[in-house]
Protein backbone atom coordinates (compact mmCIF):
# COMPACT_ATOMS: atom_id res chain seq x y z
CA UNK A 1 47.57 104.47 38.92
CA UNK A 2 46.78 104.38 42.53
CA UNK A 3 43.88 106.64 44.25
CA UNK A 4 45.20 108.45 46.78
CA UNK A 5 44.58 111.61 45.59
CA UNK A 6 46.83 112.76 42.72
CA UNK A 7 44.91 114.21 40.15
CA UNK A 8 45.66 115.67 36.52
CA UNK A 9 45.42 118.97 35.78
CA UNK A 10 42.18 119.85 33.78
CA UNK A 11 43.46 121.19 30.84
CA UNK A 12 46.35 119.82 30.13
CA UNK A 13 46.78 116.23 27.25
CA UNK A 14 49.30 114.44 28.41
CA UNK A 15 50.20 112.97 25.47
CA UNK A 16 53.88 114.46 24.70
CA UNK A 17 55.71 114.81 27.94
CA UNK A 18 59.33 113.63 25.40
CA UNK A 19 61.33 116.78 25.11
CA UNK A 20 63.59 117.05 21.73
CA UNK A 21 65.88 119.59 22.18
CA UNK A 22 64.17 121.40 20.00
CA UNK A 23 60.86 121.82 22.00
CA UNK A 24 63.04 122.82 24.88
CA UNK A 25 64.38 125.39 22.96
CA UNK A 26 61.09 126.91 22.36
CA UNK A 27 60.34 126.96 25.99
CA UNK A 28 62.76 128.62 26.99
CA UNK A 29 61.95 131.32 25.13
CA UNK A 30 58.44 130.88 26.92
CA UNK A 31 60.38 131.05 30.20
CA UNK A 32 62.12 133.66 29.40
CA UNK A 33 58.96 135.97 28.84
CA UNK A 34 57.58 135.41 32.26
CA UNK A 35 57.34 138.46 34.67
CA UNK A 36 59.10 138.91 37.77
CA UNK A 37 60.04 141.64 39.73
CA UNK A 38 64.32 142.46 38.81
CA UNK A 39 64.22 145.60 40.64
CA UNK A 40 65.30 143.18 43.40
CA UNK A 41 68.74 142.13 42.92
CA UNK A 42 68.10 138.74 44.57
CA UNK A 43 65.95 137.69 41.93
CA UNK A 44 68.44 139.08 38.73
CA UNK A 45 70.50 136.96 40.83
CA UNK A 46 68.78 134.21 40.81
CA UNK A 47 65.67 133.49 38.44
CA UNK A 48 68.54 132.35 35.30
CA UNK A 49 69.53 129.88 37.24
CA UNK A 50 65.13 128.70 37.95
CA UNK A 51 65.07 128.33 33.83
CA UNK A 52 67.99 126.51 34.02
CA UNK A 53 66.36 124.23 37.35
CA UNK A 54 62.95 123.98 35.00
CA UNK A 55 64.17 123.49 31.44
CA UNK A 56 66.99 120.38 33.50
CA UNK A 57 63.86 118.59 34.21
CA UNK A 58 62.36 118.91 30.46
CA UNK A 59 65.76 117.71 29.64
CA UNK A 60 65.93 114.27 32.11
CA UNK A 61 67.88 116.21 33.55
CA UNK A 62 66.34 115.95 37.66
CA UNK A 63 63.51 114.34 38.00
CA UNK A 64 61.85 117.19 39.69
CA UNK A 65 61.12 120.95 39.56
CA UNK A 66 61.08 122.79 42.75
CA UNK A 67 58.79 126.10 42.27
CA UNK A 68 58.25 128.09 45.19
CA UNK A 69 61.57 127.38 47.28
CA UNK A 70 63.79 129.97 47.21
CA UNK A 71 62.39 132.15 44.29
CA UNK A 72 58.59 132.85 45.36
CA UNK A 73 58.18 135.86 42.77
CA UNK A 74 54.14 135.89 42.59
CA UNK A 75 54.67 136.99 38.92
CA UNK A 76 56.66 134.01 38.19
CA UNK A 77 54.49 131.76 40.34
CA UNK A 78 51.68 131.77 38.10
CA UNK A 79 53.68 132.08 34.83
CA UNK A 80 55.34 128.89 35.63
CA UNK A 81 52.15 126.98 36.92
CA UNK A 82 50.14 128.40 33.68
CA UNK A 83 53.68 127.34 31.51
CA UNK A 84 53.14 123.54 33.02
CA UNK A 85 50.19 122.78 32.45
CA UNK A 86 49.25 124.35 28.61
CA UNK A 87 53.02 121.63 28.23
CA UNK A 88 50.91 118.41 30.15
CA UNK A 89 53.06 118.52 33.50
CA UNK A 90 52.23 116.79 36.51
CA UNK A 91 52.36 119.63 39.53
CA UNK A 92 51.98 118.58 43.08
CA UNK A 93 51.18 121.19 46.07
CA UNK A 94 52.63 120.68 49.32
CA UNK A 95 54.80 121.07 52.28
CA UNK A 96 58.57 121.79 51.31
CA UNK A 97 60.67 119.61 52.37
CA UNK A 98 62.48 118.44 55.42
CA UNK A 99 65.12 115.95 56.13
CA UNK A 100 63.61 113.29 59.21
CA UNK A 101 64.70 114.64 62.70
CA UNK A 102 67.69 112.60 64.31
CA UNK A 103 68.87 112.71 67.43
CA UNK A 104 71.37 115.73 69.14
CA UNK A 105 72.30 117.81 71.89
CA UNK A 106 69.08 120.21 70.96
CA UNK A 107 66.32 119.58 73.68
CA UNK A 108 63.24 119.41 72.60
CA UNK A 109 61.60 122.15 73.83
CA UNK A 110 64.18 124.02 71.26
CA UNK A 111 63.37 121.89 68.60
CA UNK A 112 59.92 123.01 68.64
CA UNK A 113 60.77 126.55 68.87
CA UNK A 114 62.47 126.01 65.45
CA UNK A 115 59.78 124.40 63.87
CA UNK A 116 57.55 127.12 64.63
CA UNK A 117 60.01 129.27 62.63
CA UNK A 118 60.30 127.33 59.74
CA UNK A 119 57.55 128.98 57.10
CA UNK A 120 54.72 126.82 56.13
CA UNK A 121 54.29 127.88 52.92
CA UNK A 122 53.14 125.36 49.70
CA UNK A 123 55.90 124.84 47.46
CA UNK A 124 55.14 123.23 43.97
CA UNK A 125 56.91 119.79 42.87
CA UNK A 126 57.26 119.51 38.67
CA UNK A 127 57.38 116.90 36.57
CA UNK A 128 57.09 114.94 33.62
CA UNK A 129 56.80 111.16 34.57
CA UNK A 130 53.81 110.02 36.15
CA UNK A 131 55.92 106.89 37.88
CA UNK A 132 58.01 110.46 39.64
CA UNK A 133 54.39 112.36 40.16
CA UNK A 134 53.87 108.61 42.13
CA UNK A 135 56.64 108.72 44.35
CA UNK A 136 56.75 112.51 44.78
CA UNK A 137 52.65 112.93 46.10
CA UNK A 138 53.16 111.62 49.49
CA UNK A 139 56.36 113.63 50.46
CA UNK A 140 54.42 116.83 49.75
CA UNK A 141 51.70 115.85 52.08
CA UNK A 142 53.80 114.82 54.92
CA UNK A 143 56.94 117.24 54.19
CA UNK A 144 59.29 114.70 55.11
CA UNK A 145 62.18 114.04 52.45
CA UNK A 146 65.41 111.80 53.70
CA UNK A 147 68.20 113.23 52.27
CA UNK A 148 68.98 110.32 50.05
CA UNK A 149 65.80 110.69 48.09
CA UNK A 150 65.23 114.49 47.94
CA UNK A 151 68.90 114.42 46.17
CA UNK A 152 67.94 111.10 43.37
CA UNK A 153 64.72 113.87 42.83
CA UNK A 154 66.17 117.20 42.96
CA UNK A 155 69.08 115.45 40.36
CA UNK A 156 71.31 116.79 43.06
CA UNK A 157 74.80 114.46 44.02
CA UNK A 158 73.51 113.42 47.80
CA UNK A 159 76.82 114.11 49.25
CA UNK A 160 76.10 117.67 48.79
CA UNK A 161 72.27 117.27 50.11
CA UNK A 162 74.20 115.07 52.92
CA UNK A 163 76.36 117.73 53.95
CA UNK A 164 74.33 120.98 53.38
CA UNK A 165 71.54 119.32 55.80
CA UNK A 166 74.42 118.84 58.16
CA UNK A 167 75.92 122.67 58.20
CA UNK A 168 71.91 123.52 58.78
CA UNK A 169 71.91 120.96 62.12
CA UNK A 170 75.56 122.59 63.17
CA UNK A 171 74.48 126.27 62.40
CA UNK A 172 70.91 125.15 65.22
CA UNK A 173 73.53 123.62 67.86
CA UNK A 174 75.39 126.70 67.83
CA UNK A 175 72.98 129.20 68.01
CA UNK A 176 71.24 127.27 70.92
CA UNK A 177 74.84 126.91 72.77
CA UNK A 178 75.58 130.98 71.66
CA UNK A 179 72.30 131.62 72.93
CA UNK A 180 72.31 130.04 76.10
CA UNK A 181 75.43 131.19 76.84
CA UNK A 182 74.60 134.04 77.16
CA UNK A 183 71.97 133.40 79.06
CA UNK A 184 73.67 132.34 82.73
CA UNK A 185 73.55 129.33 80.75
CA UNK A 186 69.37 128.39 82.03
CA UNK A 187 67.50 127.03 79.65
CA UNK A 188 64.52 128.76 81.50
CA UNK A 189 65.99 132.13 81.14
CA UNK A 190 67.04 131.13 77.24
CA UNK A 191 63.18 130.02 76.80
CA UNK A 192 61.54 133.56 78.44
CA UNK A 193 63.95 135.37 76.53
CA UNK A 194 62.94 133.78 72.93
CA UNK A 195 59.30 134.20 73.58
CA UNK A 196 60.08 138.37 73.53
CA UNK A 197 62.18 138.10 70.48
CA UNK A 198 65.71 137.42 71.46
CA UNK A 199 68.48 137.15 69.02
CA UNK A 200 71.30 134.56 69.03
CA UNK A 201 74.43 138.08 69.12
CA UNK A 202 77.63 135.78 68.77
CA UNK A 203 80.62 137.37 69.97
CA UNK A 204 84.02 137.31 68.28
CA UNK A 205 84.68 135.36 64.79
CA UNK A 206 85.36 131.83 66.04
CA UNK A 207 81.53 132.25 67.03
CA UNK A 208 80.31 134.14 63.93
CA UNK A 209 82.08 131.39 61.79
CA UNK A 210 79.70 129.03 62.75
CA UNK A 211 76.51 130.70 62.34
CA UNK A 212 77.94 131.82 58.64
CA UNK A 213 79.27 129.01 57.11
CA UNK A 214 81.56 129.16 53.77
CA UNK A 215 78.50 127.94 51.38
CA UNK A 216 79.59 127.74 47.61
CA UNK A 217 77.51 127.06 45.06
CA UNK A 218 78.11 124.99 41.89
CA UNK A 219 77.36 126.86 38.71
CA UNK A 220 74.57 126.18 36.91
CA UNK A 221 72.87 124.81 39.39
CA UNK A 222 70.84 125.26 42.56
CA UNK A 223 72.88 123.22 44.95
CA UNK A 224 76.10 123.67 47.60
CA UNK A 225 79.03 121.69 47.84
CA UNK A 226 80.42 119.72 50.15
CA UNK A 227 84.16 120.25 50.98
CA UNK A 228 84.76 116.95 48.92
CA UNK A 229 83.12 118.95 46.02
CA UNK A 230 85.14 121.61 46.62
CA UNK A 231 88.06 120.46 46.99
CA UNK A 232 88.10 118.30 43.74
CA UNK A 233 87.46 119.59 40.09
CA UNK A 234 86.45 115.83 39.33
CA UNK A 235 83.37 114.89 42.49
CA UNK A 236 79.67 114.38 41.15
CA UNK A 237 79.36 118.16 42.43
CA UNK A 238 82.16 119.71 39.23
CA UNK A 239 80.23 116.73 37.44
CA UNK A 240 76.97 117.61 37.74
CA UNK A 241 78.13 121.93 36.93
CA UNK A 242 79.86 120.61 34.14
CA UNK A 243 77.40 118.82 32.56
CA UNK A 244 74.40 121.74 33.60
CA UNK A 245 76.90 123.83 31.98
CA UNK A 246 77.03 121.69 28.84
CA UNK A 247 73.02 121.12 28.45
CA UNK A 248 72.36 124.96 28.84
CA UNK A 249 75.36 125.68 25.72
CA UNK A 250 72.77 123.67 23.26
CA UNK A 251 69.77 125.29 24.95
CA UNK A 252 70.05 128.62 24.94
CA UNK A 253 74.09 130.44 24.48
CA UNK A 254 72.95 133.76 25.61
CA UNK A 255 71.48 132.24 28.90
CA UNK A 256 74.98 130.73 29.32
CA UNK A 257 76.65 133.38 28.60
CA UNK A 258 74.66 135.21 31.74
CA UNK A 259 75.14 132.58 34.40
CA UNK A 260 78.20 132.56 33.48
CA UNK A 261 79.13 135.76 34.79
CA UNK A 262 76.63 135.25 37.61
CA UNK A 263 78.86 132.40 38.17
CA UNK A 264 82.71 134.66 38.03
CA UNK A 265 81.26 137.77 39.60
CA UNK A 266 79.21 136.83 42.46
CA UNK A 267 80.53 135.37 46.17
CA UNK A 268 77.98 132.84 46.20
CA UNK A 269 80.18 130.51 44.17
CA UNK A 270 83.01 130.84 45.76
CA UNK A 271 84.51 133.84 43.12
CA UNK A 272 85.09 136.95 44.06
CA UNK A 273 82.81 140.31 43.12
CA UNK A 274 85.25 142.45 40.87
């Protein structure tokens, strides 16, 4: 292994990182015992999917499980780290992943403003394979990950990852344009207003939709579907959703029923809550 700072967790044996369905089922029971704040509606929505994402990593359906991105409940974070050490997995802490910055219409000073707003908390990458840990280590140090690499490491369709980041760029550009218009078209006025906590307020439905796109999660995953995958039952996003559904049905039918209900009732999956 290259000597670049990647270290094995001290209490892990690293003798068996292959997980049979039987072993994954046992881990599923342990995951359900990890405490987290169930008083939060958001936690109740995402925790079952986090369990599946972790199991998918163990079962070989995704190379990396990301801990601390989107669901950072302290009890869950602590429990996952302890479990991962016990299972002999690789755990690497580092910066959140973002794609390399591309050229665009935003001025540099506004890009720097957006960077200052980004959370700089540490996330943890958890994986079974040493070869994957070798690839992930430099990414945790830089925080820069291409969309193709992010898709491969998280087991997501590249089309959906690219569409997600493109949507985030469009939102940032729309926010700048709306804020600039609200500042009389003067960039210096806008810079001064941003220092005082100025909040972008869209005027009209069209502007609101620019800032609030129609995100649609793929059931049984943590990935937002691109437009093509939303429209097709045979696209890679839907294929991934079906594969994760079948995997979970074999591992934990009760958790499968919970996630099926979440997908049927939550608007986040393109459904209408009853």
